[in-house]
Amino acid sequence: QVQLVESGGGLVQPGGSLRLSCAASGTIRSIIFMGWYCQAPGKQRELVATISNGGSANYADSLKGRFTISRDNAKNTMYLQMNSLKPEDTAVYYCNFRTPLFDFWGQGTQVTVSS
C-alpha cells in the first residue's frame, strides 16, 4: 500500500525556519487536495494548511504569513516552509493526501521550537 513519508522535522530555536517534506511512496491517483496538520501534546489534531490541485492554498489564521505550503504534482510531493517559528508551533506535524475514497496520512514528524 502507498505510504506518505515525512521528513524535515527537528529542533530549532525561536525565530528559526524548517522545511517539511511529504512524499508518497507510490502513485496516488485522484488526489482532491493535500494538507498539513499538527498535534501538540494534550491537544487535538488541527489544520495547518491545505493546497488544491491547482495550487490554491488555505492556512490557519494564526499561521498566515509565516508558513507556506507548496506541492510538486509530478513527484506527488508536498512541502511546508515554516519561518519565524515560535515555541507554540511545537507539535507533531502530519501530512494528508485526500482522495474520494481514502485519506492517506504520514507517520508524523516532530517539530520542537525551543532555545
PDB file of N, CA and C in Angstrom:
ATOM      1  N   GLN A   1       0.836  -1.178   0.000  1.00  0.00           N
ATOM      2  CA  GLN A   1       0.000   0.000   0.000  1.00  0.00           C
ATOM      3  C   GLN A   1       0.883   1.245   0.000  1.00  0.00           C
ATOM      4  N   VAL A   2       0.436   2.272  -0.707  1.00  0.00           N
ATOM      5  CA  VAL A   2       1.197   3.507  -0.775  1.00  0.00           C
ATOM      6  C   VAL A   2       1.225   4.179   0.589  1.00  0.00           C
ATOM      7  N   GLN A   3       2.387   4.694   0.944  1.00  0.00           N
ATOM      8  CA  GLN A   3       2.540   5.396   2.215  1.00  0.00           C
ATOM      9  C   GLN A   3       3.046   6.806   1.970  1.00  0.00           C
ATOM     10  N   LEU A   4       2.763   7.679   2.919  1.00  0.00           N
ATOM     11  CA  LEU A   4       3.317   9.034   2.894  1.00  0.00           C
ATOM     12  C   LEU A   4       4.490   9.078   3.864  1.00  0.00           C
ATOM     13  N   VAL A   5       5.595   9.616   3.393  1.00  0.00           N
ATOM     14  CA  VAL A   5       6.809   9.678   4.199  1.00  0.00           C
ATOM     15  C   VAL A   5       7.175  11.132   4.410  1.00  0.00           C
ATOM     16  N   GLU A   6       7.206  11.530   5.681  1.00  0.00           N
ATOM     17  CA  GLU A   6       7.527  12.918   6.023  1.00  0.00           C
ATOM     18  C   GLU A   6       8.990  13.025   6.433  1.00  0.00           C
ATOM     19  N   SER A   7       9.539  14.198   6.231  1.00  0.00           N
ATOM     20  CA  SER A   7      10.900  14.471   6.671  1.00  0.00           C
ATOM     21  C   SER A   7      11.057  15.966   6.907  1.00  0.00           C
ATOM     22  N   GLY A   8      12.126  16.331   7.600  1.00  0.00           N
ATOM     23  CA  GLY A   8      12.444  17.741   7.776  1.00  0.00           C
ATOM     24  C   GLY A   8      12.178  18.296   9.163  1.00  0.00           C
ATOM     25  N   GLY A   9      11.559  17.507  10.039  1.00  0.00           N
ATOM     26  CA  GLY A   9      11.328  17.998  11.391  1.00  0.00           C
ATOM     27  C   GLY A   9      12.613  18.034  12.196  1.00  0.00           C
ATOM     28  N   GLY A  10      12.518  18.605  13.399  1.00  0.00           N
ATOM     29  CA  GLY A  10      13.682  18.664  14.260  1.00  0.00           C
ATOM     30  C   GLY A  10      13.554  19.744  15.311  1.00  0.00           C
ATOM     31  N   LEU A  11      14.685  20.054  15.914  1.00  0.00           N
ATOM     32  CA  LEU A  11      14.765  21.080  16.951  1.00  0.00           C
ATOM     33  C   LEU A  11      15.286  22.371  16.348  1.00  0.00           C
ATOM     34  N   VAL A  12      14.602  23.456  16.602  1.00  0.00           N
ATOM     35  CA  VAL A  12      15.015  24.749  16.067  1.00  0.00           C
ATOM     36  C   VAL A  12      14.776  25.814  17.126  1.00  0.00           C
ATOM     37  N   GLN A  13      15.579  26.847  17.105  1.00  0.00           N
ATOM     38  CA  GLN A  13      15.418  27.943  18.054  1.00  0.00           C
ATOM     39  C   GLN A  13      14.279  28.861  17.615  1.00  0.00           C
ATOM     40  N   PRO A  14      13.679  29.560  18.560  1.00  0.00           N
ATOM     41  CA  PRO A  14      12.646  30.535  18.190  1.00  0.00           C
ATOM     42  C   PRO A  14      13.167  31.518  17.148  1.00  0.00           C
ATOM     43  N   GLY A  15      12.320  31.785  16.156  1.00  0.00           N
ATOM     44  CA  GLY A  15      12.724  32.655  15.062  1.00  0.00           C
ATOM     45  C   GLY A  15      13.352  31.915  13.894  1.00  0.00           C
ATOM     46  N   GLY A  16      13.645  30.645  14.092  1.00  0.00           N
ATOM     47  CA  GLY A  16      14.271  29.859  13.034  1.00  0.00           C
ATOM     48  C   GLY A  16      13.278  29.335  12.013  1.00  0.00           C
ATOM     49  N   SER A  17      13.798  28.535  11.079  1.00  0.00           N
ATOM     50  CA  SER A  17      12.988  28.010   9.987  1.00  0.00           C
ATOM     51  C   SER A  17      13.205  26.511   9.827  1.00  0.00           C
ATOM     52  N   LEU A  18      12.195  25.861   9.329  1.00  0.00           N
ATOM     53  CA  LEU A  18      12.272  24.459   8.944  1.00  0.00           C
ATOM     54  C   LEU A  18      11.465  24.266   7.669  1.00  0.00           C
ATOM     55  N   ARG A  19      11.840  23.259   6.891  1.00  0.00           N
ATOM     56  CA  ARG A  19      11.056  22.896   5.712  1.00  0.00           C
ATOM     57  C   ARG A  19      10.691  21.421   5.809  1.00  0.00           C
ATOM     58  N   LEU A  20       9.417  21.163   5.892  1.00  0.00           N
ATOM     59  CA  LEU A  20       8.930  19.796   5.941  1.00  0.00           C
ATOM     60  C   LEU A  20       8.618  19.312   4.531  1.00  0.00           C
ATOM     61  N   SER A  21       8.846  18.032   4.299  1.00  0.00           N
ATOM     62  CA  SER A  21       8.509  17.403   3.034  1.00  0.00           C
ATOM     63  C   SER A  21       7.634  16.192   3.282  1.00  0.00           C
ATOM     64  N   CYS A  22       6.781  15.913   2.326  1.00  0.00           N
ATOM     65  CA  CYS A  22       5.908  14.744   2.399  1.00  0.00           C
ATOM     66  C   CYS A  22       5.870  14.117   1.021  1.00  0.00           C
ATOM     67  N   ALA A  23       6.359  12.904   0.910  1.00  0.00           N
ATOM     68  CA  ALA A  23       6.426  12.230  -0.375  1.00  0.00           C
ATOM     69  C   ALA A  23       5.655  10.916  -0.318  1.00  0.00           C
ATOM     70  N   ALA A  24       4.947  10.627  -1.397  1.00  0.00           N
ATOM     71  CA  ALA A  24       4.245   9.356  -1.492  1.00  0.00           C
ATOM     72  C   ALA A  24       5.212   8.283  -1.989  1.00  0.00           C
ATOM     73  N   SER A  25       5.098   7.091  -1.411  1.00  0.00           N
ATOM     74  CA  SER A  25       5.999   6.002  -1.799  1.00  0.00           C
ATOM     75  C   SER A  25       5.625   5.404  -3.144  1.00  0.00           C
ATOM     76  N   GLY A  26       4.453   5.766  -3.651  1.00  0.00           N
ATOM     77  CA  GLY A  26       4.000   5.294  -4.952  1.00  0.00           C
ATOM     78  C   GLY A  26       3.042   6.311  -5.547  1.00  0.00           C
ATOM     79  N   THR A  27       2.368   5.913  -6.580  1.00  0.00           N
ATOM     80  CA  THR A  27       1.424   6.817  -7.240  1.00  0.00           C
ATOM     81  C   THR A  27       0.078   6.807  -6.533  1.00  0.00           C
ATOM     82  N   ILE A  28      -0.416   7.975  -6.239  1.00  0.00           N
ATOM     83  CA  ILE A  28      -1.762   8.146  -5.679  1.00  0.00           C
ATOM     84  C   ILE A  28      -2.578   8.927  -6.684  1.00  0.00           C
ATOM     85  N   ARG A  29      -3.662   8.324  -7.130  1.00  0.00           N
ATOM     86  CA  ARG A  29      -4.483   8.962  -8.154  1.00  0.00           C
ATOM     87  C   ARG A  29      -5.664   9.693  -7.524  1.00  0.00           C
ATOM     88  N   SER A  30      -6.190  10.614  -8.260  1.00  0.00           N
ATOM     89  CA  SER A  30      -7.424  11.340  -7.876  1.00  0.00           C
ATOM     90  C   SER A  30      -7.282  12.078  -6.555  1.00  0.00           C
ATOM     91  N   ILE A  31      -6.122  12.679  -6.319  1.00  0.00           N
ATOM     92  CA  ILE A  31      -5.952  13.479  -5.102  1.00  0.00           C
ATOM     93  C   ILE A  31      -6.833  14.715  -5.209  1.00  0.00           C
ATOM     94  N   ILE A  32      -7.642  14.945  -4.200  1.00  0.00           N
ATOM     95  CA  ILE A  32      -8.508  16.126  -4.185  1.00  0.00           C
ATOM     96  C   ILE A  32      -7.711  17.319  -3.676  1.00  0.00           C
ATOM     97  N   PHE A  33      -7.089  17.136  -2.540  1.00  0.00           N
ATOM     98  CA  PHE A  33      -6.191  18.158  -2.041  1.00  0.00           C
ATOM     99  C   PHE A  33      -5.196  17.523  -1.081  1.00  0.00           C
ATOM    100  N   MET A  34      -4.148  18.276  -0.787  1.00  0.00           N
ATOM    101  CA  MET A  34      -3.118  17.862   0.162  1.00  0.00           C
ATOM    102  C   MET A  34      -3.134  18.828   1.332  1.00  0.00           C
ATOM    103  N   GLY A  35      -2.701  18.355   2.469  1.00  0.00           N
ATOM    104  CA  GLY A  35      -2.712  19.246   3.619  1.00  0.00           C
ATOM    105  C   GLY A  35      -1.724  18.869   4.689  1.00  0.00           C
ATOM    106  N   TRP A  36      -1.432  19.813   5.556  1.00  0.00           N
ATOM    107  CA  TRP A  36      -0.609  19.603   6.748  1.00  0.00           C
ATOM    108  C   TRP A  36      -1.470  19.862   7.979  1.00  0.00           C
ATOM    109  N   TYR A  37      -1.278  19.022   8.987  1.00  0.00           N
ATOM    110  CA  TYR A  37      -1.968  19.160  10.261  1.00  0.00           C
ATOM    111  C   TYR A  37      -0.929  19.054  11.361  1.00  0.00           C
ATOM    112  N   CYS A  38      -1.253  19.568  12.531  1.00  0.00           N
ATOM    113  CA  CYS A  38      -0.334  19.447  13.651  1.00  0.00           C
ATOM    114  C   CYS A  38      -1.094  19.046  14.908  1.00  0.00           C
ATOM    115  N   GLN A  39      -0.382  18.383  15.790  1.00  0.00           N
ATOM    116  CA  GLN A  39      -0.967  17.972  17.067  1.00  0.00           C
ATOM    117  C   GLN A  39       0.039  18.209  18.173  1.00  0.00           C
ATOM    118  N   ALA A  40      -0.290  19.143  19.042  1.00  0.00           N
ATOM    119  CA  ALA A  40       0.553  19.438  20.198  1.00  0.00           C
ATOM    120  C   ALA A  40       0.167  18.512  21.346  1.00  0.00           C
ATOM    121  N   PRO A  41       1.056  18.320  22.295  1.00  0.00           N
ATOM    122  CA  PRO A  41       0.751  17.433  23.430  1.00  0.00           C
ATOM    123  C   PRO A  41      -0.526  17.849  24.150  1.00  0.00           C
ATOM    124  N   GLY A  42      -1.418  16.904  24.351  1.00  0.00           N
ATOM    125  CA  GLY A  42      -2.654  17.179  25.063  1.00  0.00           C
ATOM    126  C   GLY A  42      -3.716  17.892  24.267  1.00  0.00           C
ATOM    127  N   LYS A  43      -3.454  18.100  22.971  1.00  0.00           N
ATOM    128  CA  LYS A  43      -4.420  18.814  22.141  1.00  0.00           C
ATOM    129  C   LYS A  43      -4.865  17.953  20.971  1.00  0.00           C
ATOM    130  N   GLN A  44      -5.966  18.364  20.351  1.00  0.00           N
ATOM    131  CA  GLN A  44      -6.444  17.657  19.178  1.00  0.00           C
ATOM    132  C   GLN A  44      -5.630  18.054  17.950  1.00  0.00           C
ATOM    133  N   ARG A  45      -5.654  17.161  16.964  1.00  0.00           N
ATOM    134  CA  ARG A  45      -5.005  17.475  15.702  1.00  0.00           C
ATOM    135  C   ARG A  45      -5.763  18.619  15.042  1.00  0.00           C
ATOM    136  N   GLU A  46      -5.019  19.590  14.501  1.00  0.00           N
ATOM    137  CA  GLU A  46      -5.667  20.728  13.880  1.00  0.00           C
ATOM    138  C   GLU A  46      -5.019  21.065  12.547  1.00  0.00           C
ATOM    139  N   LEU A  47      -5.774  21.754  11.726  1.00  0.00           N
ATOM    140  CA  LEU A  47      -5.336  22.092  10.387  1.00  0.00           C
ATOM    141  C   LEU A  47      -4.247  23.152  10.416  1.00  0.00           C
ATOM    142  N   VAL A  48      -3.230  22.938   9.605  1.00  0.00           N
ATOM    143  CA  VAL A  48      -2.195  23.957   9.398  1.00  0.00           C
ATOM    144  C   VAL A  48      -2.448  24.654   8.063  1.00  0.00           C
ATOM    145  N   ALA A  49      -2.519  23.861   6.987  1.00  0.00           N
ATOM    146  CA  ALA A  49      -2.704  24.425   5.658  1.00  0.00           C
ATOM    147  C   ALA A  49      -3.131  23.328   4.700  1.00  0.00           C
ATOM    148  N   THR A  50      -3.836  23.734   3.646  1.00  0.00           N
ATOM    149  CA  THR A  50      -4.176  22.819   2.568  1.00  0.00           C
ATOM    150  C   THR A  50      -3.840  23.467   1.244  1.00  0.00           C
ATOM    151  N   ILE A  51      -3.668  22.629   0.221  1.00  0.00           N
ATOM    152  CA  ILE A  51      -3.385  23.138  -1.112  1.00  0.00           C
ATOM    153  C   ILE A  51      -4.132  22.275  -2.122  1.00  0.00           C
ATOM    154  N   SER A  52      -4.818  22.937  -3.054  1.00  0.00           N
ATOM    155  CA  SER A  52      -5.608  22.226  -4.046  1.00  0.00           C
ATOM    156  C   SER A  52      -4.732  21.773  -5.210  1.00  0.00           C
ATOM    157  N   ASN A  53      -5.331  21.005  -6.113  1.00  0.00           N
ATOM    158  CA  ASN A  53      -4.603  20.557  -7.295  1.00  0.00           C
ATOM    159  C   ASN A  53      -4.130  21.735  -8.135  1.00  0.00           C
ATOM    160  N   GLY A  54      -4.880  22.809  -8.109  1.00  0.00           N
ATOM    161  CA  GLY A  54      -4.497  23.987  -8.883  1.00  0.00           C
ATOM    162  C   GLY A  54      -3.525  24.902  -8.174  1.00  0.00           C
ATOM    163  N   GLY A  55      -3.173  24.540  -6.945  1.00  0.00           N
ATOM    164  CA  GLY A  55      -2.195  25.339  -6.212  1.00  0.00           C
ATOM    165  C   GLY A  55      -2.783  26.370  -5.278  1.00  0.00           C
ATOM    166  N   SER A  56      -4.091  26.387  -5.147  1.00  0.00           N
ATOM    167  CA  SER A  56      -4.721  27.339  -4.239  1.00  0.00           C
ATOM    168  C   SER A  56      -4.522  26.890  -2.800  1.00  0.00           C
ATOM    169  N   ALA A  57      -3.991  27.781  -1.962  1.00  0.00           N
ATOM    170  CA  ALA A  57      -3.631  27.430  -0.594  1.00  0.00           C
ATOM    171  C   ALA A  57      -4.540  28.109   0.425  1.00  0.00           C
ATOM    172  N   ASN A  58      -4.783  27.396   1.508  1.00  0.00           N
ATOM    173  CA  ASN A  58      -5.505  27.952   2.647  1.00  0.00           C
ATOM    174  C   ASN A  58      -4.719  27.659   3.914  1.00  0.00           C
ATOM    175  N   TYR A  59      -4.749  28.599   4.840  1.00  0.00           N
ATOM    176  CA  TYR A  59      -3.963  28.486   6.057  1.00  0.00           C
ATOM    177  C   TYR A  59      -4.822  28.741   7.295  1.00  0.00           C
ATOM    178  N   ALA A  60      -4.413  28.141   8.400  1.00  0.00           N
ATOM    179  CA  ALA A  60      -4.980  28.518   9.680  1.00  0.00           C
ATOM    180  C   ALA A  60      -4.657  29.992   9.909  1.00  0.00           C
ATOM    181  N   ASP A  61      -5.608  30.729  10.424  1.00  0.00           N
ATOM    182  CA  ASP A  61      -5.439  32.173  10.563  1.00  0.00           C
ATOM    183  C   ASP A  61      -4.180  32.554  11.328  1.00  0.00           C
ATOM    184  N   SER A  62      -3.853  31.789  12.337  1.00  0.00           N
ATOM    185  CA  SER A  62      -2.716  32.128  13.194  1.00  0.00           C
ATOM    186  C   SER A  62      -1.371  31.920  12.511  1.00  0.00           C
ATOM    187  N   LEU A  63      -1.389  31.238  11.366  1.00  0.00           N
ATOM    188  CA  LEU A  63      -0.137  30.893  10.713  1.00  0.00           C
ATOM    189  C   LEU A  63       0.117  31.677   9.436  1.00  0.00           C
ATOM    190  N   LYS A  64      -0.872  32.437   9.003  1.00  0.00           N
ATOM    191  CA  LYS A  64      -0.712  33.192   7.761  1.00  0.00           C
ATOM    192  C   LYS A  64       0.490  34.121   7.841  1.00  0.00           C
ATOM    193  N   GLY A  65       1.267  34.090   6.779  1.00  0.00           N
ATOM    194  CA  GLY A  65       2.434  34.954   6.714  1.00  0.00           C
ATOM    195  C   GLY A  65       3.712  34.323   7.206  1.00  0.00           C
ATOM    196  N   ARG A  66       3.587  33.235   7.962  1.00  0.00           N
ATOM    197  CA  ARG A  66       4.787  32.570   8.466  1.00  0.00           C
ATOM    198  C   ARG A  66       5.034  31.235   7.783  1.00  0.00           C
ATOM    199  N   PHE A  67       3.964  30.547   7.425  1.00  0.00           N
ATOM    200  CA  PHE A  67       4.087  29.224   6.809  1.00  0.00           C
ATOM    201  C   PHE A  67       3.655  29.310   5.345  1.00  0.00           C
ATOM    202  N   THR A  68       4.309  28.504   4.497  1.00  0.00           N
ATOM    203  CA  THR A  68       3.955  28.428   3.090  1.00  0.00           C
ATOM    204  C   THR A  68       3.868  26.969   2.668  1.00  0.00           C
ATOM    205  N   ILE A  69       2.729  26.593   2.114  1.00  0.00           N
ATOM    206  CA  ILE A  69       2.548  25.237   1.615  1.00  0.00           C
ATOM    207  C   ILE A  69       2.753  25.242   0.106  1.00  0.00           C
ATOM    208  N   SER A  70       3.342  24.178  -0.406  1.00  0.00           N
ATOM    209  CA  SER A  70       3.544  24.053  -1.843  1.00  0.00           C
ATOM    210  C   SER A  70       3.534  22.577  -2.211  1.00  0.00           C
ATOM    211  N   ARG A  71       3.449  22.307  -3.501  1.00  0.00           N
ATOM    212  CA  ARG A  71       3.409  20.917  -3.935  1.00  0.00           C
ATOM    213  C   ARG A  71       4.077  20.776  -5.291  1.00  0.00           C
ATOM    214  N   ASP A  72       4.562  19.566  -5.538  1.00  0.00           N
ATOM    215  CA  ASP A  72       5.118  19.196  -6.828  1.00  0.00           C
ATOM    216  C   ASP A  72       4.273  18.030  -7.330  1.00  0.00           C
ATOM    217  N   ASN A  73       3.345  18.322  -8.224  1.00  0.00           N
ATOM    218  CA  ASN A  73       2.406  17.284  -8.672  1.00  0.00           C
ATOM    219  C   ASN A  73       3.113  16.131  -9.373  1.00  0.00           C
ATOM    220  N   ALA A  74       4.148  16.449 -10.120  1.00  0.00           N
ATOM    221  CA  ALA A  74       4.853  15.415 -10.862  1.00  0.00           C
ATOM    222  C   ALA A  74       5.509  14.401  -9.930  1.00  0.00           C
ATOM    223  N   LYS A  75       5.880  14.866  -8.750  1.00  0.00           N
ATOM    224  CA  LYS A  75       6.568  14.000  -7.795  1.00  0.00           C
ATOM    225  C   LYS A  75       5.655  13.528  -6.669  1.00  0.00           C
ATOM    226  N   ASN A  76       4.362  13.926  -6.717  1.00  0.00           N
ATOM    227  CA  ASN A  76       3.452  13.593  -5.608  1.00  0.00           C
ATOM    228  C   ASN A  76       4.070  13.967  -4.272  1.00  0.00           C
ATOM    229  N   THR A  77       4.622  15.155  -4.221  1.00  0.00           N
ATOM    230  CA  THR A  77       5.320  15.619  -3.031  1.00  0.00           C
ATOM    231  C   THR A  77       4.762  16.963  -2.601  1.00  0.00           C
ATOM    232  N   MET A  78       4.713  17.156  -1.303  1.00  0.00           N
ATOM    233  CA  MET A  78       4.210  18.402  -0.735  1.00  0.00           C
ATOM    234  C   MET A  78       5.224  18.939   0.258  1.00  0.00           C
ATOM    235  N   TYR A  79       5.232  20.252   0.430  1.00  0.00           N
ATOM    236  CA  TYR A  79       6.196  20.890   1.317  1.00  0.00           C
ATOM    237  C   TYR A  79       5.490  21.871   2.250  1.00  0.00           C
ATOM    238  N   LEU A  80       6.145  22.134   3.375  1.00  0.00           N
ATOM    239  CA  LEU A  80       5.690  23.184   4.271  1.00  0.00           C
ATOM    240  C   LEU A  80       6.917  23.964   4.736  1.00  0.00           C
ATOM    241  N   GLN A  81       7.028  25.175   4.256  1.00  0.00           N
ATOM    242  CA  GLN A  81       8.103  26.063   4.691  1.00  0.00           C
ATOM    243  C   GLN A  81       7.610  26.822   5.913  1.00  0.00           C
ATOM    244  N   MET A  82       8.317  26.657   7.008  1.00  0.00           N
ATOM    245  CA  MET A  82       7.918  27.292   8.268  1.00  0.00           C
ATOM    246  C   MET A  82       8.980  28.299   8.681  1.00  0.00           C
ATOM    247  N   ASN A  83       8.616  29.552   8.753  1.00  0.00           N
ATOM    248  CA  ASN A  83       9.523  30.632   9.122  1.00  0.00           C
ATOM    249  C   ASN A  83       9.071  31.281  10.425  1.00  0.00           C
ATOM    250  N   SER A  84       9.974  32.008  11.040  1.00  0.00           N
ATOM    251  CA  SER A  84       9.670  32.738  12.279  1.00  0.00           C
ATOM    252  C   SER A  84       8.981  31.827  13.295  1.00  0.00           C
ATOM    253  N   LEU A  85       9.560  30.676  13.489  1.00  0.00           N
ATOM    254  CA  LEU A  85       8.936  29.686  14.357  1.00  0.00           C
ATOM    255  C   LEU A  85       8.885  30.141  15.799  1.00  0.00           C
ATOM    256  N   LYS A  86       7.804  29.748  16.463  1.00  0.00           N
ATOM    257  CA  LYS A  86       7.572  30.123  17.852  1.00  0.00           C
ATOM    258  C   LYS A  86       7.470  28.856  18.699  1.00  0.00           C
ATOM    259  N   PRO A  87       7.719  28.953  19.992  1.00  0.00           N
ATOM    260  CA  PRO A  87       7.587  27.762  20.853  1.00  0.00           C
ATOM    261  C   PRO A  87       6.208  27.117  20.745  1.00  0.00           C
ATOM    262  N   GLU A  88       5.182  27.905  20.535  1.00  0.00           N
ATOM    263  CA  GLU A  88       3.831  27.344  20.435  1.00  0.00           C
ATOM    264  C   GLU A  88       3.603  26.577  19.137  1.00  0.00           C
ATOM    265  N   ASP A  89       4.556  26.622  18.208  1.00  0.00           N
ATOM    266  CA  ASP A  89       4.471  25.808  16.998  1.00  0.00           C
ATOM    267  C   ASP A  89       4.937  24.373  17.259  1.00  0.00           C
ATOM    268  N   THR A  90       5.471  24.117  18.431  1.00  0.00           N
ATOM    269  CA  THR A  90       5.935  22.778  18.769  1.00  0.00           C
ATOM    270  C   THR A  90       4.792  21.780  18.705  1.00  0.00           C
ATOM    271  N   ALA A  91       4.975  20.740  17.900  1.00  0.00           N
ATOM    272  CA  ALA A  91       3.924  19.747  17.691  1.00  0.00           C
ATOM    273  C   ALA A  91       4.460  18.650  16.786  1.00  0.00           C
ATOM    274  N   VAL A  92       3.685  17.601  16.655  1.00  0.00           N
ATOM    275  CA  VAL A  92       3.928  16.611  15.605  1.00  0.00           C
ATOM    276  C   VAL A  92       3.133  17.060  14.381  1.00  0.00           C
ATOM    277  N   TYR A  93       3.795  17.121  13.253  1.00  0.00           N
ATOM    278  CA  TYR A  93       3.173  17.569  12.013  1.00  0.00           C
ATOM    279  C   TYR A  93       2.908  16.359  11.113  1.00  0.00           C
ATOM    280  N   TYR A  94       1.683  16.293  10.624  1.00  0.00           N
ATOM    281  CA  TYR A  94       1.250  15.183   9.784  1.00  0.00           C
ATOM    282  C   TYR A  94       0.850  15.696   8.403  1.00  0.00           C
ATOM    283  N   CYS A  95       1.188  14.938   7.378  1.00  0.00           N
ATOM    284  CA  CYS A  95       0.714  15.291   6.049  1.00  0.00           C
ATOM    285  C   CYS A  95      -0.456  14.389   5.678  1.00  0.00           C
ATOM    286  N   ASN A  96      -1.281  14.895   4.799  1.00  0.00           N
ATOM    287  CA  ASN A  96      -2.513  14.212   4.401  1.00  0.00           C
ATOM    288  C   ASN A  96      -2.757  14.423   2.917  1.00  0.00           C
ATOM    289  N   PHE A  97      -3.024  13.329   2.211  1.00  0.00           N
ATOM    290  CA  PHE A  97      -3.464  13.388   0.822  1.00  0.00           C
ATOM    291  C   PHE A  97      -4.890  12.825   0.805  1.00  0.00           C
ATOM    292  N   ARG A  98      -5.822  13.629   0.350  1.00  0.00           N
ATOM    293  CA  ARG A  98      -7.221  13.182   0.347  1.00  0.00           C
ATOM    294  C   ARG A  98      -7.670  12.808  -1.061  1.00  0.00           C
ATOM    295  N   THR A  99      -8.268  11.612  -1.166  1.00  0.00           N
ATOM    296  CA  THR A  99      -8.868  11.171  -2.405  1.00  0.00           C
ATOM    297  C   THR A  99     -10.359  10.918  -2.137  1.00  0.00           C
ATOM    298  N   PRO A 100     -11.161  10.717  -3.165  1.00  0.00           N
ATOM    299  CA  PRO A 100     -12.596  10.476  -2.929  1.00  0.00           C
ATOM    300  C   PRO A 100     -12.878   9.241  -2.069  1.00  0.00           C
ATOM    301  N   LEU A 101     -11.958   8.280  -2.080  1.00  0.00           N
ATOM    302  CA  LEU A 101     -12.228   7.036  -1.378  1.00  0.00           C
ATOM    303  C   LEU A 101     -11.399   6.843  -0.117  1.00  0.00           C
ATOM    304  N   PHE A 102     -10.313   7.581   0.027  1.00  0.00           N
ATOM    305  CA  PHE A 102      -9.395   7.274   1.121  1.00  0.00           C
ATOM    306  C   PHE A 102      -8.582   8.491   1.507  1.00  0.00           C
ATOM    307  N   ASP A 103      -8.270   8.576   2.802  1.00  0.00           N
ATOM    308  CA  ASP A 103      -7.345   9.580   3.319  1.00  0.00           C
ATOM    309  C   ASP A 103      -6.015   8.920   3.626  1.00  0.00           C
ATOM    310  N   PHE A 104      -4.953   9.421   3.018  1.00  0.00           N
ATOM    311  CA  PHE A 104      -3.613   8.936   3.307  1.00  0.00           C
ATOM    312  C   PHE A 104      -2.978   9.871   4.330  1.00  0.00           C
ATOM    313  N   TRP A 105      -2.341   9.272   5.347  1.00  0.00           N
ATOM    314  CA  TRP A 105      -1.682  10.054   6.387  1.00  0.00           C
ATOM    315  C   TRP A 105      -0.233   9.613   6.526  1.00  0.00           C
ATOM    316  N   GLY A 106       0.628  10.589   6.792  1.00  0.00           N
ATOM    317  CA  GLY A 106       2.002  10.280   7.126  1.00  0.00           C
ATOM    318  C   GLY A 106       2.115   9.861   8.581  1.00  0.00           C
ATOM    319  N   GLN A 107       3.299   9.432   8.960  1.00  0.00           N
ATOM    320  CA  GLN A 107       3.525   8.939  10.314  1.00  0.00           C
ATOM    321  C   GLN A 107       3.759  10.071  11.309  1.00  0.00           C
ATOM    322  N   GLY A 108       3.980  11.259  10.801  1.00  0.00           N
ATOM    323  CA  GLY A 108       4.207  12.413  11.662  1.00  0.00           C
ATOM    324  C   GLY A 108       5.690  12.706  11.831  1.00  0.00           C
ATOM    325  N   THR A 109       6.007  13.971  11.909  1.00  0.00           N
ATOM    326  CA  THR A 109       7.389  14.396  12.164  1.00  0.00           C
ATOM    327  C   THR A 109       7.367  15.457  13.261  1.00  0.00           C
ATOM    328  N   GLN A 110       8.248  15.285  14.232  1.00  0.00           N
ATOM    329  CA  GLN A 110       8.257  16.173  15.392  1.00  0.00           C
ATOM    330  C   GLN A 110       8.967  17.481  15.056  1.00  0.00           C
ATOM    331  N   VAL A 111       8.318  18.576  15.402  1.00  0.00           N
ATOM    332  CA  VAL A 111       8.928  19.895  15.320  1.00  0.00           C
ATOM    333  C   VAL A 111       8.958  20.468  16.728  1.00  0.00           C
ATOM    334  N   THR A 112      10.140  20.813  17.186  1.00  0.00           N
ATOM    335  CA  THR A 112      10.302  21.380  18.524  1.00  0.00           C
ATOM    336  C   THR A 112      10.991  22.729  18.396  1.00  0.00           C
ATOM    337  N   VAL A 113      10.341  23.751  18.910  1.00  0.00           N
ATOM    338  CA  VAL A 113      10.887  25.105  18.867  1.00  0.00           C
ATOM    339  C   VAL A 113      11.244  25.501  20.292  1.00  0.00           C
ATOM    340  N   SER A 114      12.539  25.580  20.548  1.00  0.00           N
ATOM    341  CA  SER A 114      12.989  25.843  21.909  1.00  0.00           C
ATOM    342  C   SER A 114      14.388  26.426  21.881  1.00  0.00           C
ATOM    343  N   SER A 115      14.669  27.273  22.861  1.00  0.00           N
ATOM    344  CA  SER A 115      16.018  27.816  22.989  1.00  0.00           C
ATOM    345  C   SER A 115      16.843  26.969  23.955  1.00  0.00           C
TER     346      SER A 115
END
